[in-house]
């Protein structure tokens, strides 16, 4: 089992899939043992139950869900920086996720 579990959530799960693969590459090169996966907003609750992530990162297009998730979860919930998301900067998003986990 991975040391850190990072969940990304977006509208359909498609755009974050590319970000996940970039984050996985960054984790490998930084020697970080992390399971990183993406879920569509509609499947988020089921994935949270199944995987018990250490942090939830929301795509900018679902930032409106931040309050709901923060209310019901005891893990860090953060909206991904729009610039990092747009540039698919896996390295920076990974660093932010790891920092949130602590």
PDB file of N, CA and C in Angstrom:
ATOM      1  N   UNK A   1       0.840  -1.195   0.000  1.00  0.00           N
ATOM      2  CA  UNK A   1       0.000   0.000   0.000  1.00  0.00           C
ATOM      3  C   UNK A   1       0.881   1.253   0.000  1.00  0.00           C
ATOM      4  N   UNK A   2       0.485   2.221  -0.777  1.00  0.00           N
ATOM      5  CA  UNK A   2       1.270   3.448  -0.909  1.00  0.00           C
ATOM      6  C   UNK A   2       1.269   4.240   0.393  1.00  0.00           C
ATOM      7  N   UNK A   3       2.343   4.981   0.587  1.00  0.00           N
ATOM      8  CA  UNK A   3       2.488   5.798   1.790  1.00  0.00           C
ATOM      9  C   UNK A   3       1.482   6.948   1.807  1.00  0.00           C
ATOM     10  N   UNK A   4       1.241   7.538   0.634  1.00  0.00           N
ATOM     11  CA  UNK A   4       0.297   8.644   0.518  1.00  0.00           C
ATOM     12  C   UNK A   4      -0.723   8.322  -0.566  1.00  0.00           C
ATOM     13  N   UNK A   5      -1.971   8.670  -0.318  1.00  0.00           N
ATOM     14  CA  UNK A   5      -3.012   8.465  -1.326  1.00  0.00           C
ATOM     15  C   UNK A   5      -3.612   9.825  -1.646  1.00  0.00           C
ATOM     16  N   UNK A   6      -3.519  10.195  -2.916  1.00  0.00           N
ATOM     17  CA  UNK A   6      -3.961  11.512  -3.373  1.00  0.00           C
ATOM     18  C   UNK A   6      -5.095  11.327  -4.369  1.00  0.00           C
ATOM     19  N   UNK A   7      -6.217  11.972  -4.084  1.00  0.00           N
ATOM     20  CA  UNK A   7      -7.367  11.885  -4.980  1.00  0.00           C
ATOM     21  C   UNK A   7      -7.591  13.236  -5.652  1.00  0.00           C
ATOM     22  N   UNK A   8      -7.765  13.191  -6.964  1.00  0.00           N
ATOM     23  CA  UNK A   8      -8.129  14.382  -7.724  1.00  0.00           C
ATOM     24  C   UNK A   8      -9.573  14.225  -8.164  1.00  0.00           C
ATOM     25  N   UNK A   9     -10.297  15.307  -8.169  1.00  0.00           N
ATOM     26  CA  UNK A   9     -11.706  15.255  -8.562  1.00  0.00           C
ATOM     27  C   UNK A   9     -11.975  16.361  -9.565  1.00  0.00           C
ATOM     28  N   UNK A  10     -12.634  16.023 -10.656  1.00  0.00           N
ATOM     29  CA  UNK A  10     -13.030  17.044 -11.627  1.00  0.00           C
ATOM     30  C   UNK A  10     -14.424  16.709 -12.159  1.00  0.00           C
ATOM     31  N   UNK A  11     -14.892  17.470 -13.101  1.00  0.00           N
ATOM     32  CA  UNK A  11     -16.255  17.308 -13.598  1.00  0.00           C
ATOM     33  C   UNK A  11     -16.504  15.894 -14.125  1.00  0.00           C
ATOM     34  N   UNK A  12     -15.642  15.424 -15.041  1.00  0.00           N
ATOM     35  CA  UNK A  12     -15.867  14.106 -15.630  1.00  0.00           C
ATOM     36  C   UNK A  12     -14.738  13.115 -15.362  1.00  0.00           C
ATOM     37  N   UNK A  13     -13.646  13.571 -14.785  1.00  0.00           N
ATOM     38  CA  UNK A  13     -12.523  12.673 -14.516  1.00  0.00           C
ATOM     39  C   UNK A  13     -11.552  12.554 -15.671  1.00  0.00           C
ATOM     40  N   UNK A  14     -11.845  13.204 -16.780  1.00  0.00           N
ATOM     41  CA  UNK A  14     -11.003  13.070 -17.964  1.00  0.00           C
ATOM     42  C   UNK A  14      -9.775  13.974 -17.902  1.00  0.00           C
ATOM     43  N   UNK A  15      -9.987  15.258 -17.682  1.00  0.00           N
ATOM     44  CA  UNK A  15      -8.857  16.188 -17.699  1.00  0.00           C
ATOM     45  C   UNK A  15      -7.874  15.886 -16.576  1.00  0.00           C
ATOM     46  N   UNK A  16      -8.369  15.412 -15.442  1.00  0.00           N
ATOM     47  CA  UNK A  16      -7.450  15.126 -14.348  1.00  0.00           C
ATOM     48  C   UNK A  16      -6.655  13.849 -14.589  1.00  0.00           C
ATOM     49  N   UNK A  17      -7.096  12.999 -15.493  1.00  0.00           N
ATOM     50  CA  UNK A  17      -6.349  11.768 -15.781  1.00  0.00           C
ATOM     51  C   UNK A  17      -4.951  12.085 -16.305  1.00  0.00           C
ATOM     52  N   UNK A  18      -4.844  13.078 -17.160  1.00  0.00           N
ATOM     53  CA  UNK A  18      -3.539  13.493 -17.676  1.00  0.00           C
ATOM     54  C   UNK A  18      -2.694  14.069 -16.537  1.00  0.00           C
ATOM     55  N   UNK A  19      -3.314  14.860 -15.684  1.00  0.00           N
ATOM     56  CA  UNK A  19      -2.602  15.429 -14.542  1.00  0.00           C
ATOM     57  C   UNK A  19      -2.117  14.325 -13.603  1.00  0.00           C
ATOM     58  N   UNK A  20      -2.932  13.296 -13.408  1.00  0.00           N
ATOM     59  CA  UNK A  20      -2.539  12.160 -12.563  1.00  0.00           C
ATOM     60  C   UNK A  20      -1.260  11.526 -13.101  1.00  0.00           C
ATOM     61  N   UNK A  21      -1.199  11.277 -14.405  1.00  0.00           N
ATOM     62  CA  UNK A  21      -0.004  10.618 -14.948  1.00  0.00           C
ATOM     63  C   UNK A  21       1.224  11.511 -14.803  1.00  0.00           C
ATOM     64  N   UNK A  22       1.054  12.826 -14.936  1.00  0.00           N
ATOM     65  CA  UNK A  22       2.193  13.729 -14.744  1.00  0.00           C
ATOM     66  C   UNK A  22       2.622  13.766 -13.271  1.00  0.00           C
ATOM     67  N   UNK A  23       1.649  13.702 -12.374  1.00  0.00           N
ATOM     68  CA  UNK A  23       1.967  13.672 -10.947  1.00  0.00           C
ATOM     69  C   UNK A  23       2.668  12.371 -10.575  1.00  0.00           C
ATOM     70  N   UNK A  24       2.248  11.247 -11.177  1.00  0.00           N
ATOM     71  CA  UNK A  24       2.883   9.954 -10.901  1.00  0.00           C
ATOM     72  C   UNK A  24       4.340   9.965 -11.358  1.00  0.00           C
ATOM     73  N   UNK A  25       4.594  10.555 -12.528  1.00  0.00           N
ATOM     74  CA  UNK A  25       5.975  10.654 -13.019  1.00  0.00           C
ATOM     75  C   UNK A  25       6.810  11.490 -12.063  1.00  0.00           C
ATOM     76  N   UNK A  26       6.246  12.606 -11.596  1.00  0.00           N
ATOM     77  CA  UNK A  26       6.959  13.478 -10.659  1.00  0.00           C
ATOM     78  C   UNK A  26       7.229  12.755  -9.343  1.00  0.00           C
ATOM     79  N   UNK A  27       6.245  11.979  -8.871  1.00  0.00           N
ATOM     80  CA  UNK A  27       6.404  11.235  -7.620  1.00  0.00           C
ATOM     81  C   UNK A  27       7.523  10.205  -7.753  1.00  0.00           C
ATOM     82  N   UNK A  28       7.555   9.508  -8.893  1.00  0.00           N
ATOM     83  CA  UNK A  28       8.601   8.511  -9.117  1.00  0.00           C
ATOM     84  C   UNK A  28       9.973   9.158  -9.121  1.00  0.00           C
ATOM     85  N   UNK A  29      10.102  10.274  -9.831  1.00  0.00           N
ATOM     86  CA  UNK A  29      11.420  10.909  -9.909  1.00  0.00           C
ATOM     87  C   UNK A  29      11.827  11.538  -8.579  1.00  0.00           C
ATOM     88  N   UNK A  30      10.858  11.885  -7.725  1.00  0.00           N
ATOM     89  CA  UNK A  30      11.169  12.458  -6.408  1.00  0.00           C
ATOM     90  C   UNK A  30      11.249  11.386  -5.320  1.00  0.00           C
ATOM     91  N   UNK A  31      11.005  10.130  -5.695  1.00  0.00           N
ATOM     92  CA  UNK A  31      11.059   9.045  -4.727  1.00  0.00           C
ATOM     93  C   UNK A  31       9.909   9.070  -3.723  1.00  0.00           C
ATOM     94  N   UNK A  32       8.758   9.586  -4.139  1.00  0.00           N
ATOM     95  CA  UNK A  32       7.586   9.655  -3.267  1.00  0.00           C
ATOM     96  C   UNK A  32       6.689   8.454  -3.556  1.00  0.00           C
ATOM     97  N   UNK A  33       6.363   7.709  -2.501  1.00  0.00           N
ATOM     98  CA  UNK A  33       5.498   6.541  -2.637  1.00  0.00           C
ATOM     99  C   UNK A  33       4.050   7.006  -2.512  1.00  0.00           C
ATOM    100  N   UNK A  34       3.391   7.198  -3.642  1.00  0.00           N
ATOM    101  CA  UNK A  34       2.029   7.732  -3.615  1.00  0.00           C
ATOM    102  C   UNK A  34       1.133   7.011  -4.604  1.00  0.00           C
ATOM    103  N   UNK A  35      -0.096   6.803  -4.171  1.00  0.00           N
ATOM    104  CA  UNK A  35      -1.132   6.330  -5.093  1.00  0.00           C
ATOM    105  C   UNK A  35      -1.924   7.576  -5.458  1.00  0.00           C
ATOM    106  N   UNK A  36      -1.992   7.869  -6.745  1.00  0.00           N
ATOM    107  CA  UNK A  36      -2.674   9.069  -7.222  1.00  0.00           C
ATOM    108  C   UNK A  36      -3.741   8.623  -8.210  1.00  0.00           C
ATOM    109  N   UNK A  37      -4.961   9.088  -8.007  1.00  0.00           N
ATOM    110  CA  UNK A  37      -6.037   8.685  -8.909  1.00  0.00           C
ATOM    111  C   UNK A  37      -7.029   9.825  -9.066  1.00  0.00           C
ATOM    112  N   UNK A  38      -7.822   9.739 -10.133  1.00  0.00           N
ATOM    113  CA  UNK A  38      -8.819  10.768 -10.433  1.00  0.00           C
ATOM    114  C   UNK A  38     -10.210  10.160 -10.405  1.00  0.00           C
ATOM    115  N   UNK A  39     -11.177  10.992 -10.057  1.00  0.00           N
ATOM    116  CA  UNK A  39     -12.571  10.565 -10.058  1.00  0.00           C
ATOM    117  C   UNK A  39     -13.437  11.709 -10.545  1.00  0.00           C
ATOM    118  N   UNK A  40     -14.534  11.341 -11.182  1.00  0.00           N
ATOM    119  CA  UNK A  40     -15.516  12.349 -11.583  1.00  0.00           C
ATOM    120  C   UNK A  40     -16.264  12.789 -10.325  1.00  0.00           C
ATOM    121  N   UNK A  41     -16.748  14.022 -10.323  1.00  0.00           N
ATOM    122  CA  UNK A  41     -17.476  14.542  -9.169  1.00  0.00           C
ATOM    123  C   UNK A  41     -18.632  13.621  -8.780  1.00  0.00           C
ATOM    124  N   UNK A  42     -19.303  13.047  -9.775  1.00  0.00           N
ATOM    125  CA  UNK A  42     -20.444  12.166  -9.513  1.00  0.00           C
ATOM    126  C   UNK A  42     -20.038  10.890  -8.764  1.00  0.00           C
ATOM    127  N   UNK A  43     -18.790  10.450  -8.955  1.00  0.00           N
ATOM    128  CA  UNK A  43     -18.301   9.222  -8.312  1.00  0.00           C
ATOM    129  C   UNK A  43     -17.459   9.499  -7.073  1.00  0.00           C
ATOM    130  N   UNK A  44     -17.300  10.754  -6.717  1.00  0.00           N
ATOM    131  CA  UNK A  44     -16.357  11.132  -5.660  1.00  0.00           C
ATOM    132  C   UNK A  44     -16.648  10.440  -4.332  1.00  0.00           C
ATOM    133  N   UNK A  45     -17.901  10.432  -3.906  1.00  0.00           N
ATOM    134  CA  UNK A  45     -18.223   9.834  -2.604  1.00  0.00           C
ATOM    135  C   UNK A  45     -17.865   8.349  -2.553  1.00  0.00           C
ATOM    136  N   UNK A  46     -18.171   7.630  -3.629  1.00  0.00           N
ATOM    137  CA  UNK A  46     -17.856   6.201  -3.683  1.00  0.00           C
ATOM    138  C   UNK A  46     -16.345   5.978  -3.629  1.00  0.00           C
ATOM    139  N   UNK A  47     -15.597   6.788  -4.354  1.00  0.00           N
ATOM    140  CA  UNK A  47     -14.131   6.656  -4.377  1.00  0.00           C
ATOM    141  C   UNK A  47     -13.530   7.004  -3.023  1.00  0.00           C
ATOM    142  N   UNK A  48     -14.087   8.008  -2.355  1.00  0.00           N
ATOM    143  CA  UNK A  48     -13.602   8.387  -1.023  1.00  0.00           C
ATOM    144  C   UNK A  48     -13.784   7.228  -0.049  1.00  0.00           C
ATOM    145  N   UNK A  49     -14.934   6.573  -0.135  1.00  0.00           N
ATOM    146  CA  UNK A  49     -15.224   5.427   0.730  1.00  0.00           C
ATOM    147  C   UNK A  49     -14.276   4.261   0.445  1.00  0.00           C
ATOM    148  N   UNK A  50     -14.063   4.030  -0.847  1.00  0.00           N
ATOM    149  CA  UNK A  50     -13.270   2.874  -1.271  1.00  0.00           C
ATOM    150  C   UNK A  50     -11.781   3.049  -0.989  1.00  0.00           C
ATOM    151  N   UNK A  51     -11.241   4.226  -1.274  1.00  0.00           N
ATOM    152  CA  UNK A  51      -9.785   4.424  -1.246  1.00  0.00           C
ATOM    153  C   UNK A  51      -9.253   5.129   0.002  1.00  0.00           C
ATOM    154  N   UNK A  52     -10.089   5.849   0.736  1.00  0.00           N
ATOM    155  CA  UNK A  52      -9.658   6.597   1.929  1.00  0.00           C
ATOM    156  C   UNK A  52      -8.393   7.422   1.669  1.00  0.00           C
ATOM    157  N   UNK A  53      -8.476   8.395   0.760  1.00  0.00           N
ATOM    158  CA  UNK A  53      -7.284   9.183   0.435  1.00  0.00           C
ATOM    159  C   UNK A  53      -6.837  10.066   1.614  1.00  0.00           C
ATOM    160  N   UNK A  54      -5.581  10.503   1.550  1.00  0.00           N
ATOM    161  CA  UNK A  54      -5.019  11.402   2.568  1.00  0.00           C
ATOM    162  C   UNK A  54      -5.327  12.856   2.257  1.00  0.00           C
ATOM    163  N   UNK A  55      -5.627  13.135   0.994  1.00  0.00           N
ATOM    164  CA  UNK A  55      -5.927  14.500   0.572  1.00  0.00           C
ATOM    165  C   UNK A  55      -6.836  14.447  -0.663  1.00  0.00           C
ATOM    166  N   UNK A  56      -7.699  15.443  -0.788  1.00  0.00           N
ATOM    167  CA  UNK A  56      -8.578  15.563  -1.956  1.00  0.00           C
ATOM    168  C   UNK A  56      -8.269  16.879  -2.647  1.00  0.00           C
ATOM    169  N   UNK A  57      -7.869  16.791  -3.910  1.00  0.00           N
ATOM    170  CA  UNK A  57      -7.568  17.979  -4.711  1.00  0.00           C
ATOM    171  C   UNK A  57      -8.678  18.127  -5.754  1.00  0.00           C
ATOM    172  N   UNK A  58      -9.296  19.307  -5.780  1.00  0.00           N
ATOM    173  CA  UNK A  58     -10.410  19.554  -6.703  1.00  0.00           C
ATOM    174  C   UNK A  58      -9.942  20.341  -7.921  1.00  0.00           C
ATOM    175  N   UNK A  59     -10.399  19.921  -9.096  1.00  0.00           N
ATOM    176  CA  UNK A  59     -10.136  20.688 -10.307  1.00  0.00           C
ATOM    177  C   UNK A  59     -10.871  22.016 -10.216  1.00  0.00           C
ATOM    178  N   UNK A  60     -10.316  23.068 -10.836  1.00  0.00           N
ATOM    179  CA  UNK A  60     -10.947  24.396 -10.755  1.00  0.00           C
ATOM    180  C   UNK A  60     -12.413  24.405 -11.193  1.00  0.00           C
ATOM    181  N   UNK A  61     -12.787  23.510 -12.108  1.00  0.00           N
ATOM    182  CA  UNK A  61     -14.167  23.500 -12.602  1.00  0.00           C
ATOM    183  C   UNK A  61     -15.167  22.965 -11.581  1.00  0.00           C
ATOM    184  N   UNK A  62     -14.683  22.331 -10.512  1.00  0.00           N
ATOM    185  CA  UNK A  62     -15.588  21.853  -9.454  1.00  0.00           C
ATOM    186  C   UNK A  62     -15.272  22.513  -8.110  1.00  0.00           C
ATOM    187  N   UNK A  63     -14.691  23.694  -8.156  1.00  0.00           N
ATOM    188  CA  UNK A  63     -14.332  24.411  -6.922  1.00  0.00           C
ATOM    189  C   UNK A  63     -15.549  24.664  -6.043  1.00  0.00           C
ATOM    190  N   UNK A  64     -16.734  24.726  -6.665  1.00  0.00           N
ATOM    191  CA  UNK A  64     -17.969  24.945  -5.896  1.00  0.00           C
ATOM    192  C   UNK A  64     -18.258  23.810  -4.907  1.00  0.00           C
ATOM    193  N   UNK A  65     -17.611  22.658  -5.076  1.00  0.00           N
ATOM    194  CA  UNK A  65     -17.811  21.519  -4.170  1.00  0.00           C
ATOM    195  C   UNK A  65     -16.909  21.581  -2.928  1.00  0.00           C
ATOM    196  N   UNK A  66     -15.976  22.529  -2.909  1.00  0.00           N
ATOM    197  CA  UNK A  66     -14.983  22.582  -1.828  1.00  0.00           C
ATOM    198  C   UNK A  66     -15.639  22.620  -0.445  1.00  0.00           C
ATOM    199  N   UNK A  67     -16.610  23.480  -0.252  1.00  0.00           N
ATOM    200  CA  UNK A  67     -17.271  23.612   1.045  1.00  0.00           C
ATOM    201  C   UNK A  67     -17.945  22.326   1.492  1.00  0.00           C
ATOM    202  N   UNK A  68     -18.643  21.681   0.559  1.00  0.00           N
ATOM    203  CA  UNK A  68     -19.333  20.418   0.881  1.00  0.00           C
ATOM    204  C   UNK A  68     -18.346  19.359   1.353  1.00  0.00           C
ATOM    205  N   UNK A  69     -17.237  19.216   0.615  1.00  0.00           N
ATOM    206  CA  UNK A  69     -16.253  18.204   0.981  1.00  0.00           C
ATOM    207  C   UNK A  69     -15.579  18.552   2.303  1.00  0.00           C
ATOM    208  N   UNK A  70     -15.255  19.830   2.506  1.00  0.00           N
ATOM    209  CA  UNK A  70     -14.606  20.240   3.757  1.00  0.00           C
ATOM    210  C   UNK A  70     -15.512  19.966   4.955  1.00  0.00           C
ATOM    211  N   UNK A  71     -16.824  20.122   4.768  1.00  0.00           N
ATOM    212  CA  UNK A  71     -17.773  19.885   5.853  1.00  0.00           C
ATOM    213  C   UNK A  71     -17.847  18.417   6.257  1.00  0.00           C
ATOM    214  N   UNK A  72     -17.713  17.517   5.266  1.00  0.00           N
ATOM    215  CA  UNK A  72     -17.935  16.102   5.596  1.00  0.00           C
ATOM    216  C   UNK A  72     -16.672  15.255   5.693  1.00  0.00           C
ATOM    217  N   UNK A  73     -15.521  15.816   5.338  1.00  0.00           N
ATOM    218  CA  UNK A  73     -14.288  15.031   5.367  1.00  0.00           C
ATOM    219  C   UNK A  73     -13.341  15.522   6.463  1.00  0.00           C
ATOM    220  N   UNK A  74     -12.528  14.607   6.953  1.00  0.00           N
ATOM    221  CA  UNK A  74     -11.538  14.990   7.963  1.00  0.00           C
ATOM    222  C   UNK A  74     -10.126  15.006   7.365  1.00  0.00           C
ATOM    223  N   UNK A  75     -10.054  15.104   6.037  1.00  0.00           N
ATOM    224  CA  UNK A  75      -8.767  15.195   5.339  1.00  0.00           C
ATOM    225  C   UNK A  75      -8.677  16.570   4.685  1.00  0.00           C
ATOM    226  N   UNK A  76      -7.462  17.021   4.330  1.00  0.00           N
ATOM    227  CA  UNK A  76      -7.345  18.304   3.629  1.00  0.00           C
ATOM    228  C   UNK A  76      -8.069  18.259   2.278  1.00  0.00           C
ATOM    229  N   UNK A  77      -8.770  19.338   1.967  1.00  0.00           N
ATOM    230  CA  UNK A  77      -9.460  19.493   0.683  1.00  0.00           C
ATOM    231  C   UNK A  77      -8.990  20.826   0.111  1.00  0.00           C
ATOM    232  N   UNK A  78      -8.507  20.804  -1.110  1.00  0.00           N
ATOM    233  CA  UNK A  78      -7.946  22.017  -1.703  1.00  0.00           C
ATOM    234  C   UNK A  78      -8.295  22.081  -3.185  1.00  0.00           C
ATOM    235  N   UNK A  79      -8.547  23.297  -3.678  1.00  0.00           N
ATOM    236  CA  UNK A  79      -8.761  23.488  -5.115  1.00  0.00           C
ATOM    237  C   UNK A  79      -7.385  23.636  -5.765  1.00  0.00           C
ATOM    238  N   UNK A  80      -7.172  22.908  -6.847  1.00  0.00           N
ATOM    239  CA  UNK A  80      -5.900  22.967  -7.569  1.00  0.00           C
ATOM    240  C   UNK A  80      -5.750  24.353  -8.182  1.00  0.00           C
ATOM    241  N   UNK A  81      -4.568  24.919  -8.038  1.00  0.00           N
ATOM    242  CA  UNK A  81      -4.258  26.217  -8.636  1.00  0.00           C
ATOM    243  C   UNK A  81      -4.604  26.177 -10.130  1.00  0.00           C
ATOM    244  N   UNK A  82      -5.374  27.177 -10.575  1.00  0.00           N
ATOM    245  CA  UNK A  82      -5.867  27.166 -11.952  1.00  0.00           C
ATOM    246  C   UNK A  82      -4.739  27.157 -12.976  1.00  0.00           C
ATOM    247  N   UNK A  83      -3.672  27.901 -12.710  1.00  0.00           N
ATOM    248  CA  UNK A  83      -2.548  27.942 -13.636  1.00  0.00           C
ATOM    249  C   UNK A  83      -1.846  26.581 -13.710  1.00  0.00           C
ATOM    250  N   UNK A  84      -1.615  25.973 -12.546  1.00  0.00           N
ATOM    251  CA  UNK A  84      -0.960  24.657 -12.524  1.00  0.00           C
ATOM    252  C   UNK A  84      -1.834  23.621 -13.222  1.00  0.00           C
ATOM    253  N   UNK A  85      -3.147  23.740 -13.024  1.00  0.00           N
ATOM    254  CA  UNK A  85      -4.083  22.811 -13.665  1.00  0.00           C
ATOM    255  C   UNK A  85      -4.048  22.998 -15.177  1.00  0.00           C
ATOM    256  N   UNK A  86      -4.141  24.245 -15.614  1.00  0.00           N
ATOM    257  CA  UNK A  86      -4.143  24.543 -17.050  1.00  0.00           C
ATOM    258  C   UNK A  86      -2.860  24.109 -17.737  1.00  0.00           C
ATOM    259  N   UNK A  87      -1.743  24.244 -17.034  1.00  0.00           N
ATOM    260  CA  UNK A  87      -0.436  23.863 -17.594  1.00  0.00           C
ATOM    261  C   UNK A  87      -0.141  22.379 -17.352  1.00  0.00           C
ATOM    262  N   UNK A  88      -1.065  21.690 -16.646  1.00  0.00           N
ATOM    263  CA  UNK A  88      -0.871  20.283 -16.286  1.00  0.00           C
ATOM    264  C   UNK A  88       0.483  20.102 -15.596  1.00  0.00           C
ATOM    265  N   UNK A  89       0.757  20.971 -14.626  1.00  0.00           N
ATOM    266  CA  UNK A  89       2.023  20.946 -13.902  1.00  0.00           C
ATOM    267  C   UNK A  89       1.948  19.931 -12.759  1.00  0.00           C
ATOM    268  N   UNK A  90       2.188  18.673 -13.087  1.00  0.00           N
ATOM    269  CA  UNK A  90       2.094  17.587 -12.121  1.00  0.00           C
ATOM    270  C   UNK A  90       3.020  17.760 -10.938  1.00  0.00           C
ATOM    271  N   UNK A  91       4.202  18.285 -11.198  1.00  0.00           N
ATOM    272  CA  UNK A  91       5.201  18.492 -10.142  1.00  0.00           C
ATOM    273  C   UNK A  91       4.669  19.432  -9.053  1.00  0.00           C
ATOM    274  N   UNK A  92       4.122  20.580  -9.464  1.00  0.00           N
ATOM    275  CA  UNK A  92       3.629  21.564  -8.482  1.00  0.00           C
ATOM    276  C   UNK A  92       2.383  21.074  -7.747  1.00  0.00           C
ATOM    277  N   UNK A  93       1.483  20.414  -8.458  1.00  0.00           N
ATOM    278  CA  UNK A  93       0.264  19.909  -7.826  1.00  0.00           C
ATOM    279  C   UNK A  93       0.629  18.804  -6.832  1.00  0.00           C
ATOM    280  N   UNK A  94       1.582  17.959  -7.202  1.00  0.00           N
ATOM    281  CA  UNK A  94       2.051  16.912  -6.291  1.00  0.00           C
ATOM    282  C   UNK A  94       2.653  17.540  -5.033  1.00  0.00           C
ATOM    283  N   UNK A  95       3.514  18.533  -5.218  1.00  0.00           N
ATOM    284  CA  UNK A  95       4.150  19.197  -4.074  1.00  0.00           C
ATOM    285  C   UNK A  95       3.104  19.793  -3.130  1.00  0.00           C
ATOM    286  N   UNK A  96       2.092  20.405  -3.700  1.00  0.00           N
ATOM    287  CA  UNK A  96       1.015  20.995  -2.892  1.00  0.00           C
ATOM    288  C   UNK A  96       0.264  19.912  -2.118  1.00  0.00           C
ATOM    289  N   UNK A  97      -0.035  18.800  -2.778  1.00  0.00           N
ATOM    290  CA  UNK A  97      -0.742  17.690  -2.130  1.00  0.00           C
ATOM    291  C   UNK A  97       0.070  17.122  -0.975  1.00  0.00           C
ATOM    292  N   UNK A  98       1.360  16.919  -1.200  1.00  0.00           N
ATOM    293  CA  UNK A  98       2.242  16.359  -0.165  1.00  0.00           C
ATOM    294  C   UNK A  98       2.324  17.322   1.025  1.00  0.00           C
ATOM    295  N   UNK A  99       2.395  18.616   0.718  1.00  0.00           N
ATOM    296  CA  UNK A  99       2.462  19.631   1.774  1.00  0.00           C
ATOM    297  C   UNK A  99       1.187  19.606   2.631  1.00  0.00           C
ATOM    298  N   UNK A 100       0.040  19.425   1.983  1.00  0.00           N
ATOM    299  CA  UNK A 100      -1.229  19.375   2.701  1.00  0.00           C
ATOM    300  C   UNK A 100      -1.335  18.149   3.608  1.00  0.00           C
ATOM    301  N   UNK A 101      -0.778  17.036   3.139  1.00  0.00           N
ATOM    302  CA  UNK A 101      -0.808  15.811   3.935  1.00  0.00           C
ATOM    303  C   UNK A 101       0.064  15.991   5.187  1.00  0.00           C
ATOM    304  N   UNK A 102       1.186  16.693   4.996  1.00  0.00           N
ATOM    305  CA  UNK A 102       2.058  17.017   6.131  1.00  0.00           C
ATOM    306  C   UNK A 102       3.061  15.962   6.483  1.00  0.00           C
TER     307      UNK A 102
END
